[in-house]
Amino acid sequence: MMENYNAPLLRFAEFSGDWEHHKIGDVVSEIFRPIEMKDNSNYQCVTVRRRNGGVTSRGFFKGSDILVKSQFAIKTGDYLISKRQIVHGANGIVPEELNNAIVSK
Protein backbone atom coordinates (compact mmCIF):
# COMPACT_ATOMS: atom_id res chain seq x y z
CA MET A 1 0.00 0.00 0.00
CA MET A 2 1.39 3.41 -0.96
CA GLU A 3 1.52 6.05 1.78
CA ASN A 4 -0.50 9.21 1.35
CA TYR A 5 1.98 12.05 1.95
CA ASN A 6 -0.84 14.60 1.92
CA ALA A 7 -2.25 13.19 5.17
CA PRO A 8 0.60 13.20 7.72
CA LEU A 9 0.26 11.17 10.91
CA LEU A 10 1.72 13.96 13.06
CA ARG A 11 0.49 17.51 12.70
CA PHE A 12 -0.04 20.70 14.68
CA ALA A 13 -3.40 20.84 16.44
CA GLU A 14 -4.54 23.89 14.46
CA PHE A 15 -3.41 22.46 11.09
CA SER A 16 -5.94 20.43 9.13
CA GLY A 17 -4.93 21.05 5.51
CA ASP A 18 -2.85 18.97 3.13
CA TRP A 19 0.93 19.21 3.07
CA GLU A 20 2.36 21.48 0.40
CA HIS A 21 5.72 20.97 -1.30
CA HIS A 22 7.94 24.03 -1.83
CA LYS A 23 11.53 24.56 -2.87
CA ILE A 24 13.54 26.11 -0.06
CA GLY A 25 14.37 29.06 -2.32
CA ASP A 26 10.65 29.85 -2.53
CA VAL A 27 10.47 30.19 1.27
CA VAL A 28 13.82 31.74 2.29
CA SER A 29 16.49 33.83 0.59
CA GLU A 30 20.20 34.29 1.21
CA ILE A 31 21.19 37.58 2.76
CA PHE A 32 24.79 38.62 3.26
CA ARG A 33 25.71 41.54 5.50
CA PRO A 34 29.50 41.75 5.19
CA ILE A 35 31.31 43.74 7.85
CA GLU A 36 34.62 45.55 7.74
CA MET A 37 36.60 43.93 10.54
CA LYS A 38 38.65 46.30 12.71
CA ASP A 39 41.58 44.87 14.68
CA ASN A 40 40.84 46.85 17.87
CA SER A 41 37.06 46.31 17.94
CA ASN A 42 35.32 43.54 19.88
CA TYR A 43 32.92 41.19 18.11
CA GLN A 44 30.54 38.56 19.38
CA CYS A 45 31.01 35.42 17.28
CA VAL A 46 28.40 32.69 16.92
CA THR A 47 28.29 29.07 15.92
CA VAL A 48 25.46 26.88 14.67
CA ARG A 49 25.19 23.74 16.82
CA ARG A 50 24.65 20.23 15.51
CA ARG A 51 21.50 18.18 16.24
CA ASN A 52 19.26 21.23 15.90
CA GLY A 53 21.09 22.90 18.79
CA GLY A 54 20.48 26.35 17.35
CA VAL A 55 22.63 29.45 17.15
CA THR A 56 24.84 30.09 20.19
CA SER A 57 27.56 32.53 21.16
CA ARG A 58 31.21 31.52 20.92
CA GLY A 59 32.13 34.59 22.95
CA PHE A 60 33.63 38.03 22.33
CA PHE A 61 36.88 38.44 20.44
CA LYS A 62 39.06 41.29 19.23
CA GLY A 63 39.10 41.66 15.47
CA SER A 64 42.86 40.96 15.45
CA ASP A 65 42.20 37.56 17.11
CA ILE A 66 39.62 36.41 14.55
CA LEU A 67 41.47 34.46 11.88
CA VAL A 68 38.71 34.33 9.24
CA LYS A 69 38.34 37.96 8.19
CA SER A 70 35.30 37.35 5.96
CA GLN A 71 32.52 37.80 8.53
CA PHE A 72 28.85 38.73 8.27
CA ALA A 73 26.44 40.46 10.66
CA ILE A 74 23.36 38.49 11.72
CA LYS A 75 20.01 39.82 12.87
CA THR A 76 17.28 38.56 15.20
CA GLY A 77 15.06 36.12 13.33
CA ASP A 78 17.63 35.18 10.67
CA TYR A 79 17.72 31.47 9.89
CA LEU A 80 21.28 30.12 9.79
CA ILE A 81 22.42 26.86 8.27
CA SER A 82 25.94 25.51 8.67
CA LYS A 83 26.95 24.40 5.18
CA ARG A 84 29.57 22.07 6.67
CA GLN A 85 27.38 20.55 9.37
CA ILE A 86 23.83 20.62 7.97
CA VAL A 87 23.96 16.82 7.55
CA HIS A 88 24.14 16.75 11.35
CA GLY A 89 21.22 19.16 11.83
CA ALA A 90 23.26 22.33 12.36
CA ASN A 91 20.69 25.10 11.88
CA GLY A 92 18.74 27.61 13.92
CA ILE A 93 17.05 30.98 14.24
CA VAL A 94 19.07 33.89 15.63
CA PRO A 95 17.71 34.84 19.08
CA GLU A 96 17.37 38.48 20.13
CA GLU A 97 20.43 38.35 22.41
CA LEU A 98 22.65 37.55 19.39
CA ASN A 99 21.39 40.41 17.21
CA ASN A 100 24.38 42.05 15.41
CA ALA A 101 26.76 39.21 16.29
CA ILE A 102 28.93 37.90 13.45
CA VAL A 103 29.37 34.61 11.63
CA SER A 104 31.71 33.39 8.89
CA LYS A 105 30.36 32.15 5.59
PDB file of N, CA and C in Angstrom:
ATOM      1  N   MET A   1       0.836  -1.193   0.000  1.00  0.00           N
ATOM      2  CA  MET A   1       0.000   0.000   0.000  1.00  0.00           C
ATOM      3  C   MET A   1       0.876   1.250   0.000  1.00  0.00           C
ATOM      4  N   MET A   2       0.621   2.187  -0.865  1.00  0.00           N
ATOM      5  CA  MET A   2       1.390   3.415  -0.964  1.00  0.00           C
ATOM      6  C   MET A   2       0.912   4.405   0.097  1.00  0.00           C
ATOM      7  N   GLU A   3       1.882   5.067   0.763  1.00  0.00           N
ATOM      8  CA  GLU A   3       1.516   6.052   1.782  1.00  0.00           C
ATOM      9  C   GLU A   3       0.967   7.316   1.135  1.00  0.00           C
ATOM     10  N   ASN A   4       0.035   7.944   1.807  1.00  0.00           N
ATOM     11  CA  ASN A   4      -0.500   9.210   1.346  1.00  0.00           C
ATOM     12  C   ASN A   4       0.258  10.333   2.051  1.00  0.00           C
ATOM     13  N   TYR A   5       1.164  11.006   1.333  1.00  0.00           N
ATOM     14  CA  TYR A   5       1.975  12.054   1.946  1.00  0.00           C
ATOM     15  C   TYR A   5       1.205  13.348   2.168  1.00  0.00           C
ATOM     16  N   ASN A   6      -0.027  13.417   1.678  1.00  0.00           N
ATOM     17  CA  ASN A   6      -0.844  14.597   1.918  1.00  0.00           C
ATOM     18  C   ASN A   6      -1.629  14.503   3.219  1.00  0.00           C
ATOM     19  N   ALA A   7      -1.553  13.366   3.901  1.00  0.00           N
ATOM     20  CA  ALA A   7      -2.248  13.187   5.173  1.00  0.00           C
ATOM     21  C   ALA A   7      -1.247  12.695   6.214  1.00  0.00           C
ATOM     22  N   PRO A   8      -0.414  13.611   6.763  1.00  0.00           N
ATOM     23  CA  PRO A   8       0.600  13.197   7.723  1.00  0.00           C
ATOM     24  C   PRO A   8      -0.006  12.660   9.015  1.00  0.00           C
ATOM     25  N   LEU A   9       0.723  11.729   9.639  1.00  0.00           N
ATOM     26  CA  LEU A   9       0.260  11.166  10.910  1.00  0.00           C
ATOM     27  C   LEU A   9       0.415  12.162  12.051  1.00  0.00           C
ATOM     28  N   LEU A  10       1.481  12.959  12.026  1.00  0.00           N
ATOM     29  CA  LEU A  10       1.721  13.963  13.060  1.00  0.00           C
ATOM     30  C   LEU A  10       1.471  15.343  12.469  1.00  0.00           C
ATOM     31  N   ARG A  11       0.744  16.159  13.180  1.00  0.00           N
ATOM     32  CA  ARG A  11       0.491  17.513  12.705  1.00  0.00           C
ATOM     33  C   ARG A  11       0.194  18.426  13.895  1.00  0.00           C
ATOM     34  N   PHE A  12       0.310  19.720  13.668  1.00  0.00           N
ATOM     35  CA  PHE A  12      -0.045  20.698  14.683  1.00  0.00           C
ATOM     36  C   PHE A  12      -1.555  20.670  14.894  1.00  0.00           C
ATOM     37  N   ALA A  13      -1.975  20.916  16.107  1.00  0.00           N
ATOM     38  CA  ALA A  13      -3.399  20.841  16.444  1.00  0.00           C
ATOM     39  C   ALA A  13      -4.249  21.747  15.552  1.00  0.00           C
ATOM     40  N   GLU A  14      -3.755  22.943  15.241  1.00  0.00           N
ATOM     41  CA  GLU A  14      -4.544  23.889  14.455  1.00  0.00           C
ATOM     42  C   GLU A  14      -4.405  23.677  12.944  1.00  0.00           C
ATOM     43  N   PHE A  15      -3.615  22.707  12.519  1.00  0.00           N
ATOM     44  CA  PHE A  15      -3.408  22.459  11.093  1.00  0.00           C
ATOM     45  C   PHE A  15      -4.248  21.282  10.623  1.00  0.00           C
ATOM     46  N   SER A  16      -5.108  21.525   9.628  1.00  0.00           N
ATOM     47  CA  SER A  16      -5.943  20.431   9.128  1.00  0.00           C
ATOM     48  C   SER A  16      -5.830  20.259   7.616  1.00  0.00           C
ATOM     49  N   GLY A  17      -5.060  21.112   6.960  1.00  0.00           N
ATOM     50  CA  GLY A  17      -4.932  21.047   5.508  1.00  0.00           C
ATOM     51  C   GLY A  17      -3.913  20.018   5.045  1.00  0.00           C
ATOM     52  N   ASP A  18      -3.834  19.862   3.728  1.00  0.00           N
ATOM     53  CA  ASP A  18      -2.850  18.970   3.128  1.00  0.00           C
ATOM     54  C   ASP A  18      -1.468  19.608   3.183  1.00  0.00           C
ATOM     55  N   TRP A  19      -0.448  18.750   3.170  1.00  0.00           N
ATOM     56  CA  TRP A  19       0.930  19.215   3.067  1.00  0.00           C
ATOM     57  C   TRP A  19       1.118  19.864   1.707  1.00  0.00           C
ATOM     58  N   GLU A  20       1.982  20.864   1.665  1.00  0.00           N
ATOM     59  CA  GLU A  20       2.358  21.484   0.401  1.00  0.00           C
ATOM     60  C   GLU A  20       3.862  21.329   0.224  1.00  0.00           C
ATOM     61  N   HIS A  21       4.291  21.109  -0.993  1.00  0.00           N
ATOM     62  CA  HIS A  21       5.716  20.975  -1.298  1.00  0.00           C
ATOM     63  C   HIS A  21       6.217  22.294  -1.893  1.00  0.00           C
ATOM     64  N   HIS A  22       7.330  22.798  -1.338  1.00  0.00           N
ATOM     65  CA  HIS A  22       7.941  24.032  -1.832  1.00  0.00           C
ATOM     66  C   HIS A  22       9.440  23.852  -1.883  1.00  0.00           C
ATOM     67  N   LYS A  23      10.073  24.500  -2.839  1.00  0.00           N
ATOM     68  CA  LYS A  23      11.532  24.555  -2.874  1.00  0.00           C
ATOM     69  C   LYS A  23      11.964  25.527  -1.794  1.00  0.00           C
ATOM     70  N   ILE A  24      13.097  25.250  -1.162  1.00  0.00           N
ATOM     71  CA  ILE A  24      13.537  26.110  -0.062  1.00  0.00           C
ATOM     72  C   ILE A  24      13.740  27.545  -0.527  1.00  0.00           C
ATOM     73  N   GLY A  25      14.175  27.720  -1.779  1.00  0.00           N
ATOM     74  CA  GLY A  25      14.374  29.063  -2.321  1.00  0.00           C
ATOM     75  C   GLY A  25      13.090  29.855  -2.477  1.00  0.00           C
ATOM     76  N   ASP A  26      11.938  29.169  -2.459  1.00  0.00           N
ATOM     77  CA  ASP A  26      10.651  29.855  -2.525  1.00  0.00           C
ATOM     78  C   ASP A  26      10.211  30.356  -1.153  1.00  0.00           C
ATOM     79  N   VAL A  27      10.870  29.873  -0.098  1.00  0.00           N
ATOM     80  CA  VAL A  27      10.466  30.191   1.267  1.00  0.00           C
ATOM     81  C   VAL A  27      11.474  31.115   1.960  1.00  0.00           C
ATOM     82  N   VAL A  28      12.759  30.929   1.680  1.00  0.00           N
ATOM     83  CA  VAL A  28      13.817  31.740   2.291  1.00  0.00           C
ATOM     84  C   VAL A  28      14.744  32.271   1.199  1.00  0.00           C
ATOM     85  N   SER A  29      15.506  33.294   1.531  1.00  0.00           N
ATOM     86  CA  SER A  29      16.492  33.825   0.592  1.00  0.00           C
ATOM     87  C   SER A  29      17.790  34.102   1.330  1.00  0.00           C
ATOM     88  N   GLU A  30      18.894  34.010   0.610  1.00  0.00           N
ATOM     89  CA  GLU A  30      20.195  34.287   1.208  1.00  0.00           C
ATOM     90  C   GLU A  30      20.378  35.790   1.347  1.00  0.00           C
ATOM     91  N   ILE A  31      20.862  36.180   2.507  1.00  0.00           N
ATOM     92  CA  ILE A  31      21.186  37.583   2.762  1.00  0.00           C
ATOM     93  C   ILE A  31      22.587  37.620   3.330  1.00  0.00           C
ATOM     94  N   PHE A  32      23.427  38.467   2.754  1.00  0.00           N
ATOM     95  CA  PHE A  32      24.791  38.621   3.257  1.00  0.00           C
ATOM     96  C   PHE A  32      24.976  40.059   3.710  1.00  0.00           C
ATOM     97  N   ARG A  33      25.437  40.224   4.940  1.00  0.00           N
ATOM     98  CA  ARG A  33      25.714  41.541   5.498  1.00  0.00           C
ATOM     99  C   ARG A  33      27.190  41.584   5.874  1.00  0.00           C
ATOM    100  N   PRO A  34      28.071  41.758   4.891  1.00  0.00           N
ATOM    101  CA  PRO A  34      29.500  41.752   5.194  1.00  0.00           C
ATOM    102  C   PRO A  34      29.875  42.919   6.103  1.00  0.00           C
ATOM    103  N   ILE A  35      30.818  42.673   6.966  1.00  0.00           N
ATOM    104  CA  ILE A  35      31.307  43.736   7.852  1.00  0.00           C
ATOM    105  C   ILE A  35      32.765  44.013   7.526  1.00  0.00           C
ATOM    106  N   GLU A  36      33.203  45.193   7.869  1.00  0.00           N
ATOM    107  CA  GLU A  36      34.616  45.546   7.742  1.00  0.00           C
ATOM    108  C   GLU A  36      35.238  45.354   9.124  1.00  0.00           C
ATOM    109  N   MET A  37      36.007  44.293   9.249  1.00  0.00           N
ATOM    110  CA  MET A  37      36.596  43.928  10.540  1.00  0.00           C
ATOM    111  C   MET A  37      37.696  44.926  10.930  1.00  0.00           C
ATOM    112  N   LYS A  38      37.640  45.391  12.176  1.00  0.00           N
ATOM    113  CA  LYS A  38      38.652  46.299  12.710  1.00  0.00           C
ATOM    114  C   LYS A  38      39.421  45.573  13.810  1.00  0.00           C
ATOM    115  N   ASP A  39      40.726  45.611  13.739  1.00  0.00           N
ATOM    116  CA  ASP A  39      41.576  44.870  14.676  1.00  0.00           C
ATOM    117  C   ASP A  39      41.303  45.191  16.141  1.00  0.00           C
ATOM    118  N   ASN A  40      41.007  46.451  16.462  1.00  0.00           N
ATOM    119  CA  ASN A  40      40.843  46.852  17.868  1.00  0.00           C
ATOM    120  C   ASN A  40      39.404  46.800  18.365  1.00  0.00           C
ATOM    121  N   SER A  41      38.467  46.402  17.522  1.00  0.00           N
ATOM    122  CA  SER A  41      37.063  46.309  17.935  1.00  0.00           C
ATOM    123  C   SER A  41      36.755  44.909  18.458  1.00  0.00           C
ATOM    124  N   ASN A  42      35.773  44.829  19.348  1.00  0.00           N
ATOM    125  CA  ASN A  42      35.319  43.539  19.876  1.00  0.00           C
ATOM    126  C   ASN A  42      34.082  43.077  19.110  1.00  0.00           C
ATOM    127  N   TYR A  43      34.031  41.777  18.863  1.00  0.00           N
ATOM    128  CA  TYR A  43      32.925  41.192  18.111  1.00  0.00           C
ATOM    129  C   TYR A  43      32.417  39.949  18.835  1.00  0.00           C
ATOM    130  N   GLN A  44      31.112  39.790  18.852  1.00  0.00           N
ATOM    131  CA  GLN A  44      30.537  38.557  19.382  1.00  0.00           C
ATOM    132  C   GLN A  44      30.395  37.585  18.214  1.00  0.00           C
ATOM    133  N   CYS A  45      31.056  36.442  18.316  1.00  0.00           N
ATOM    134  CA  CYS A  45      31.010  35.419  17.276  1.00  0.00           C
ATOM    135  C   CYS A  45      30.006  34.339  17.665  1.00  0.00           C
ATOM    136  N   VAL A  46      29.373  33.748  16.663  1.00  0.00           N
ATOM    137  CA  VAL A  46      28.402  32.694  16.922  1.00  0.00           C
ATOM    138  C   VAL A  46      28.796  31.413  16.192  1.00  0.00           C
ATOM    139  N   THR A  47      28.172  30.346  16.606  1.00  0.00           N
ATOM    140  CA  THR A  47      28.285  29.067  15.922  1.00  0.00           C
ATOM    141  C   THR A  47      26.887  28.485  15.798  1.00  0.00           C
ATOM    142  N   VAL A  48      26.731  27.570  14.857  1.00  0.00           N
ATOM    143  CA  VAL A  48      25.458  26.885  14.671  1.00  0.00           C
ATOM    144  C   VAL A  48      25.668  25.450  15.131  1.00  0.00           C
ATOM    145  N   ARG A  49      24.991  25.054  16.186  1.00  0.00           N
ATOM    146  CA  ARG A  49      25.191  23.743  16.817  1.00  0.00           C
ATOM    147  C   ARG A  49      24.548  22.600  16.039  1.00  0.00           C
ATOM    148  N   ARG A  50      25.170  21.452  16.127  1.00  0.00           N
ATOM    149  CA  ARG A  50      24.646  20.234  15.513  1.00  0.00           C
ATOM    150  C   ARG A  50      23.397  19.751  16.260  1.00  0.00           C
ATOM    151  N   ARG A  51      22.716  18.795  15.662  1.00  0.00           N
ATOM    152  CA  ARG A  51      21.504  18.176  16.237  1.00  0.00           C
ATOM    153  C   ARG A  51      20.449  19.208  16.606  1.00  0.00           C
ATOM    154  N   ASN A  52      20.255  20.174  15.711  1.00  0.00           N
ATOM    155  CA  ASN A  52      19.260  21.229  15.901  1.00  0.00           C
ATOM    156  C   ASN A  52      19.468  22.016  17.188  1.00  0.00           C
ATOM    157  N   GLY A  53      20.746  22.189  17.558  1.00  0.00           N
ATOM    158  CA  GLY A  53      21.089  22.895  18.791  1.00  0.00           C
ATOM    159  C   GLY A  53      20.959  24.400  18.708  1.00  0.00           C
ATOM    160  N   GLY A  54      20.716  24.922  17.507  1.00  0.00           N
ATOM    161  CA  GLY A  54      20.481  26.350  17.354  1.00  0.00           C
ATOM    162  C   GLY A  54      21.743  27.180  17.237  1.00  0.00           C
ATOM    163  N   VAL A  55      21.550  28.473  17.282  1.00  0.00           N
ATOM    164  CA  VAL A  55      22.626  29.450  17.155  1.00  0.00           C
ATOM    165  C   VAL A  55      23.051  29.863  18.560  1.00  0.00           C
ATOM    166  N   THR A  56      24.343  29.740  18.859  1.00  0.00           N
ATOM    167  CA  THR A  56      24.844  30.087  20.185  1.00  0.00           C
ATOM    168  C   THR A  56      26.116  30.925  20.077  1.00  0.00           C
ATOM    169  N   SER A  57      26.387  31.672  21.122  1.00  0.00           N
ATOM    170  CA  SER A  57      27.565  32.531  21.158  1.00  0.00           C
ATOM    171  C   SER A  57      28.836  31.706  21.384  1.00  0.00           C
ATOM    172  N   ARG A  58      29.886  32.088  20.672  1.00  0.00           N
ATOM    173  CA  ARG A  58      31.212  31.522  20.919  1.00  0.00           C
ATOM    174  C   ARG A  58      32.002  32.437  21.849  1.00  0.00           C
ATOM    175  N   GLY A  59      31.468  33.640  22.095  1.00  0.00           N
ATOM    176  CA  GLY A  59      32.130  34.595  22.951  1.00  0.00           C
ATOM    177  C   GLY A  59      32.498  35.866  22.199  1.00  0.00           C
ATOM    178  N   PHE A  60      33.195  36.758  22.904  1.00  0.00           N
ATOM    179  CA  PHE A  60      33.627  38.033  22.329  1.00  0.00           C
ATOM    180  C   PHE A  60      35.122  37.969  22.044  1.00  0.00           C
ATOM    181  N   PHE A  61      35.491  38.487  20.868  1.00  0.00           N
ATOM    182  CA  PHE A  61      36.885  38.439  20.441  1.00  0.00           C
ATOM    183  C   PHE A  61      37.263  39.758  19.782  1.00  0.00           C
ATOM    184  N   LYS A  62      38.534  40.136  19.943  1.00  0.00           N
ATOM    185  CA  LYS A  62      39.061  41.295  19.226  1.00  0.00           C
ATOM    186  C   LYS A  62      39.192  40.932  17.763  1.00  0.00           C
ATOM    187  N   GLY A  63      38.986  41.891  16.901  1.00  0.00           N
ATOM    188  CA  GLY A  63      39.103  41.658  15.466  1.00  0.00           C
ATOM    189  C   GLY A  63      40.447  41.054  15.086  1.00  0.00           C
ATOM    190  N   SER A  64      41.518  41.483  15.758  1.00  0.00           N
ATOM    191  CA  SER A  64      42.857  40.962  15.447  1.00  0.00           C
ATOM    192  C   SER A  64      42.992  39.484  15.806  1.00  0.00           C
ATOM    193  N   ASP A  65      42.136  38.967  16.693  1.00  0.00           N
ATOM    194  CA  ASP A  65      42.203  37.563  17.111  1.00  0.00           C
ATOM    195  C   ASP A  65      41.305  36.646  16.277  1.00  0.00           C
ATOM    196  N   ILE A  66      40.509  37.210  15.399  1.00  0.00           N
ATOM    197  CA  ILE A  66      39.622  36.414  14.553  1.00  0.00           C
ATOM    198  C   ILE A  66      40.364  36.113  13.256  1.00  0.00           C
ATOM    199  N   LEU A  67      40.650  34.843  13.026  1.00  0.00           N
ATOM    200  CA  LEU A  67      41.474  34.456  11.881  1.00  0.00           C
ATOM    201  C   LEU A  67      40.756  34.598  10.548  1.00  0.00           C
ATOM    202  N   VAL A  68      39.480  34.217  10.492  1.00  0.00           N
ATOM    203  CA  VAL A  68      38.714  34.330   9.244  1.00  0.00           C
ATOM    204  C   VAL A  68      38.166  35.749   9.178  1.00  0.00           C
ATOM    205  N   LYS A  69      38.710  36.545   8.268  1.00  0.00           N
ATOM    206  CA  LYS A  69      38.339  37.961   8.194  1.00  0.00           C
ATOM    207  C   LYS A  69      37.049  38.203   7.423  1.00  0.00           C
ATOM    208  N   SER A  70      36.556  37.214   6.704  1.00  0.00           N
ATOM    209  CA  SER A  70      35.303  37.346   5.959  1.00  0.00           C
ATOM    210  C   SER A  70      34.146  36.981   6.898  1.00  0.00           C
ATOM    211  N   GLN A  71      33.577  37.992   7.553  1.00  0.00           N
ATOM    212  CA  GLN A  71      32.521  37.800   8.533  1.00  0.00           C
ATOM    213  C   GLN A  71      31.279  38.587   8.122  1.00  0.00           C
ATOM    214  N   PHE A  72      30.126  38.134   8.636  1.00  0.00           N
ATOM    215  CA  PHE A  72      28.849  38.726   8.269  1.00  0.00           C
ATOM    216  C   PHE A  72      28.021  38.991   9.515  1.00  0.00           C
ATOM    217  N   ALA A  73      27.329  40.126   9.542  1.00  0.00           N
ATOM    218  CA  ALA A  73      26.435  40.459  10.658  1.00  0.00           C
ATOM    219  C   ALA A  73      25.166  39.629  10.537  1.00  0.00           C
ATOM    220  N   ILE A  74      24.638  39.224  11.680  1.00  0.00           N
ATOM    221  CA  ILE A  74      23.365  38.493  11.716  1.00  0.00           C
ATOM    222  C   ILE A  74      22.355  39.307  12.510  1.00  0.00           C
ATOM    223  N   LYS A  75      21.094  39.078  12.215  1.00  0.00           N
ATOM    224  CA  LYS A  75      20.007  39.818  12.865  1.00  0.00           C
ATOM    225  C   LYS A  75      19.020  38.857  13.514  1.00  0.00           C
ATOM    226  N   THR A  76      18.330  39.337  14.533  1.00  0.00           N
ATOM    227  CA  THR A  76      17.284  38.559  15.196  1.00  0.00           C
ATOM    228  C   THR A  76      16.304  38.023  14.158  1.00  0.00           C
ATOM    229  N   GLY A  77      16.007  36.735  14.247  1.00  0.00           N
ATOM    230  CA  GLY A  77      15.056  36.120  13.333  1.00  0.00           C
ATOM    231  C   GLY A  77      15.678  35.517  12.083  1.00  0.00           C
ATOM    232  N   ASP A  78      16.959  35.810  11.804  1.00  0.00           N
ATOM    233  CA  ASP A  78      17.629  35.179  10.667  1.00  0.00           C
ATOM    234  C   ASP A  78      17.680  33.674  10.899  1.00  0.00           C
ATOM    235  N   TYR A  79      17.608  32.927   9.831  1.00  0.00           N
ATOM    236  CA  TYR A  79      17.719  31.471   9.894  1.00  0.00           C
ATOM    237  C   TYR A  79      19.083  31.092   9.348  1.00  0.00           C
ATOM    238  N   LEU A  80      19.925  30.490  10.189  1.00  0.00           N
ATOM    239  CA  LEU A  80      21.281  30.116   9.791  1.00  0.00           C
ATOM    240  C   LEU A  80      21.391  28.616   9.585  1.00  0.00           C
ATOM    241  N   ILE A  81      22.111  28.256   8.554  1.00  0.00           N
ATOM    242  CA  ILE A  81      22.420  26.859   8.266  1.00  0.00           C
ATOM    243  C   ILE A  81      23.924  26.747   8.142  1.00  0.00           C
ATOM    244  N   SER A  82      24.514  25.779   8.834  1.00  0.00           N
ATOM    245  CA  SER A  82      25.936  25.507   8.671  1.00  0.00           C
ATOM    246  C   SER A  82      26.119  24.627   7.452  1.00  0.00           C
ATOM    247  N   LYS A  83      26.746  25.168   6.416  1.00  0.00           N
ATOM    248  CA  LYS A  83      26.946  24.400   5.182  1.00  0.00           C
ATOM    249  C   LYS A  83      27.782  23.146   5.443  1.00  0.00           C
ATOM    250  N   ARG A  84      28.703  23.223   6.374  1.00  0.00           N
ATOM    251  CA  ARG A  84      29.567  22.074   6.669  1.00  0.00           C
ATOM    252  C   ARG A  84      28.897  21.038   7.562  1.00  0.00           C
ATOM    253  N   GLN A  85      27.961  21.459   8.388  1.00  0.00           N
ATOM    254  CA  GLN A  85      27.381  20.554   9.375  1.00  0.00           C
ATOM    255  C   GLN A  85      25.875  20.331   9.222  1.00  0.00           C
ATOM    256  N   ILE A  86      25.285  20.765   8.119  1.00  0.00           N
ATOM    257  CA  ILE A  86      23.829  20.615   7.968  1.00  0.00           C
ATOM    258  C   ILE A  86      23.427  19.146   7.981  1.00  0.00           C
ATOM    259  N   VAL A  87      24.298  18.253   7.519  1.00  0.00           N
ATOM    260  CA  VAL A  87      23.958  16.818   7.545  1.00  0.00           C
ATOM    261  C   VAL A  87      23.774  16.323   8.972  1.00  0.00           C
ATOM    262  N   HIS A  88      24.283  17.094   9.932  1.00  0.00           N
ATOM    263  CA  HIS A  88      24.141  16.753  11.347  1.00  0.00           C
ATOM    264  C   HIS A  88      23.106  17.641  12.035  1.00  0.00           C
ATOM    265  N   GLY A  89      22.289  18.344  11.251  1.00  0.00           N
ATOM    266  CA  GLY A  89      21.217  19.157  11.828  1.00  0.00           C
ATOM    267  C   GLY A  89      21.665  20.484  12.383  1.00  0.00           C
ATOM    268  N   ALA A  90      22.756  21.057  11.854  1.00  0.00           N
ATOM    269  CA  ALA A  90      23.257  22.335  12.357  1.00  0.00           C
ATOM    270  C   ALA A  90      22.511  23.489  11.696  1.00  0.00           C
ATOM    271  N   ASN A  91      21.478  23.980  12.385  1.00  0.00           N
ATOM    272  CA  ASN A  91      20.693  25.103  11.885  1.00  0.00           C
ATOM    273  C   ASN A  91      19.965  25.750  13.054  1.00  0.00           C
ATOM    274  N   GLY A  92      19.496  26.957  12.858  1.00  0.00           N
ATOM    275  CA  GLY A  92      18.737  27.606  13.920  1.00  0.00           C
ATOM    276  C   GLY A  92      18.378  29.041  13.582  1.00  0.00           C
ATOM    277  N   ILE A  93      17.499  29.596  14.384  1.00  0.00           N
ATOM    278  CA  ILE A  93      17.053  30.976  14.239  1.00  0.00           C
ATOM    279  C   ILE A  93      17.808  31.838  15.240  1.00  0.00           C
ATOM    280  N   VAL A  94      18.279  32.989  14.789  1.00  0.00           N
ATOM    281  CA  VAL A  94      19.070  33.892  15.634  1.00  0.00           C
ATOM    282  C   VAL A  94      18.170  34.498  16.709  1.00  0.00           C
ATOM    283  N   PRO A  95      18.505  34.248  17.995  1.00  0.00           N
ATOM    284  CA  PRO A  95      17.709  34.842  19.077  1.00  0.00           C
ATOM    285  C   PRO A  95      18.066  36.319  19.269  1.00  0.00           C
ATOM    286  N   GLU A  96      17.191  37.036  19.931  1.00  0.00           N
ATOM    287  CA  GLU A  96      17.369  38.483  20.132  1.00  0.00           C
ATOM    288  C   GLU A  96      18.712  38.837  20.770  1.00  0.00           C
ATOM    289  N   GLU A  97      19.166  38.020  21.702  1.00  0.00           N
ATOM    290  CA  GLU A  97      20.432  38.355  22.406  1.00  0.00           C
ATOM    291  C   GLU A  97      21.659  38.223  21.515  1.00  0.00           C
ATOM    292  N   LEU A  98      21.514  37.659  20.312  1.00  0.00           N
ATOM    293  CA  LEU A  98      22.647  37.549  19.391  1.00  0.00           C
ATOM    294  C   LEU A  98      22.509  38.478  18.190  1.00  0.00           C
ATOM    295  N   ASN A  99      21.559  39.427  18.265  1.00  0.00           N
ATOM    296  CA  ASN A  99      21.395  40.412  17.212  1.00  0.00           C
ATOM    297  C   ASN A  99      22.699  41.185  17.030  1.00  0.00           C
ATOM    298  N   ASN A 100      23.147  41.345  15.793  1.00  0.00           N
ATOM    299  CA  ASN A 100      24.381  42.051  15.415  1.00  0.00           C
ATOM    300  C   ASN A 100      25.644  41.288  15.744  1.00  0.00           C
ATOM    301  N   ALA A 101      25.560  40.039  16.135  1.00  0.00           N
ATOM    302  CA  ALA A 101      26.760  39.208  16.286  1.00  0.00           C
ATOM    303  C   ALA A 101      27.267  38.908  14.873  1.00  0.00           C
ATOM    304  N   ILE A 102      28.384  38.188  14.770  1.00  0.00           N
ATOM    305  CA  ILE A 102      28.932  37.896  13.452  1.00  0.00           C
ATOM    306  C   ILE A 102      29.147  36.406  13.270  1.00  0.00           C
ATOM    307  N   VAL A 103      29.175  36.007  11.995  1.00  0.00           N
ATOM    308  CA  VAL A 103      29.374  34.611  11.632  1.00  0.00           C
ATOM    309  C   VAL A 103      30.167  34.574  10.330  1.00  0.00           C
ATOM    310  N   SER A 104      30.986  33.545  10.166  1.00  0.00           N
ATOM    311  CA  SER A 104      31.708  33.387   8.895  1.00  0.00           C
ATOM    312  C   SER A 104      30.825  32.671   7.896  1.00  0.00           C
ATOM    313  N   LYS A 105      31.168  32.786   6.644  1.00  0.00           N
ATOM    314  CA  LYS A 105      30.359  32.146   5.588  1.00  0.00           C
ATOM    315  C   LYS A 105      30.716  30.698   5.441  1.00  0.00           C
TER     316      LYS A 105
END
